[in-house]
Amino acid sequence: MERSNFAEYVQLMQRPRRLIFLNLISGISRGVGIAIGFTVIAAVILYILQKVAVLNLPIIGDFIADLVRIVDAQLHTSSY
């Protein structure tokens, strides 16, 4: 019973403001972690794609060129 921290859990349930605060902080930190992780992974993938594009492989190079054209078209047609 002592190892499961049951007393702390009961105390937490008796103080709903603290529970809401802890959940808010954990949600914010989880969101920031996901954003940073996605940014790092996207940067690594883009770096790898740039290195592959330099090799001028026929199939992969055409695919990357199509992706670049699509992204470029979206950037020029989007309105803020």
Protein backbone atom coordinates (compact mmCIF):
# COMPACT_ATOMS: atom_id res chain seq x y z
CA MET A 1 0.00 0.00 0.00
CA GLU A 2 2.85 2.38 0.82
CA ARG A 3 4.62 1.77 -2.48
CA SER A 4 1.51 2.60 -4.51
CA ASN A 5 1.31 6.12 -2.98
CA PHE A 6 -2.39 5.65 -2.28
CA ALA A 7 -2.40 8.41 0.35
CA GLU A 8 -1.01 10.93 -2.14
CA TYR A 9 -3.64 9.91 -4.66
CA VAL A 10 -6.43 10.45 -2.13
CA GLN A 11 -4.98 13.86 -1.21
CA LEU A 12 -4.83 14.81 -4.87
CA MET A 13 -8.46 13.82 -5.38
CA GLN A 14 -9.48 16.00 -2.44
CA ARG A 15 -7.82 19.04 -4.03
CA PRO A 16 -9.27 19.37 -7.55
CA ARG A 17 -7.50 22.68 -8.29
CA ARG A 18 -4.12 21.03 -7.79
CA LEU A 19 -5.19 18.12 -10.01
CA ILE A 20 -6.27 20.52 -12.76
CA PHE A 21 -3.01 22.48 -12.42
CA LEU A 22 -0.88 19.34 -12.64
CA ASN A 23 -2.80 18.10 -15.67
CA LEU A 24 -2.44 21.49 -17.35
CA ILE A 25 1.32 21.56 -16.79
CA SER A 26 1.74 17.98 -18.01
CA GLY A 27 -0.35 18.71 -21.11
CA ILE A 28 1.66 21.79 -21.97
CA SER A 29 4.97 19.99 -21.52
CA ARG A 30 3.75 17.05 -23.61
CA GLY A 31 2.68 19.43 -26.40
CA VAL A 32 5.99 21.27 -26.38
CA GLY A 33 7.87 17.96 -26.45
CA ILE A 34 5.86 16.74 -29.42
CA ALA A 35 6.48 20.01 -31.29
CA ILE A 36 10.22 19.92 -30.66
CA GLY A 37 10.43 16.24 -31.56
CA PHE A 38 8.50 16.73 -34.80
CA THR A 39 10.72 19.68 -35.73
CA VAL A 40 13.89 17.65 -35.21
CA ILE A 41 12.58 14.67 -37.17
CA ALA A 42 11.37 16.88 -40.03
CA ALA A 43 14.75 18.63 -40.18
CA VAL A 44 16.58 15.29 -40.34
CA ILE A 45 14.28 14.04 -43.11
CA LEU A 46 14.75 17.25 -45.11
CA TYR A 47 18.51 17.03 -44.66
CA ILE A 48 18.51 13.45 -45.95
CA LEU A 49 16.30 14.42 -48.90
CA GLN A 50 18.69 17.24 -49.80
CA LYS A 51 21.64 14.83 -49.80
CA VAL A 52 19.71 12.34 -51.96
CA ALA A 53 18.71 15.11 -54.39
CA VAL A 54 22.37 15.98 -54.92
CA LEU A 55 23.07 12.40 -56.05
CA ASN A 56 20.74 12.90 -59.04
CA LEU A 57 19.12 9.49 -58.83
CA PRO A 58 16.57 9.32 -61.68
CA ILE A 59 13.47 8.04 -59.87
CA ILE A 60 14.09 9.66 -56.50
CA GLY A 61 15.25 12.92 -58.07
CA ASP A 62 12.05 13.22 -60.13
CA PHE A 63 9.96 12.49 -57.05
CA ILE A 64 11.75 15.15 -55.01
CA ALA A 65 11.45 17.64 -57.87
CA ASP A 66 7.69 17.01 -57.98
CA LEU A 67 7.47 17.54 -54.23
CA VAL A 68 9.38 20.81 -54.50
CA ARG A 69 7.07 22.00 -57.29
CA ILE A 70 3.97 21.14 -55.24
CA VAL A 71 5.27 22.92 -52.14
CA ASP A 72 6.33 25.93 -54.20
CA ALA A 73 2.90 26.13 -55.85
CA GLN A 74 1.19 25.94 -52.45
CA LEU A 75 3.38 28.70 -51.04
CA HIS A 76 2.61 31.03 -53.94
CA THR A 77 -1.13 30.37 -53.99
CA SER A 78 -1.82 30.50 -50.25
CA SER A 79 -3.29 33.75 -48.98
CA TYR A 80 -2.88 35.00 -45.47
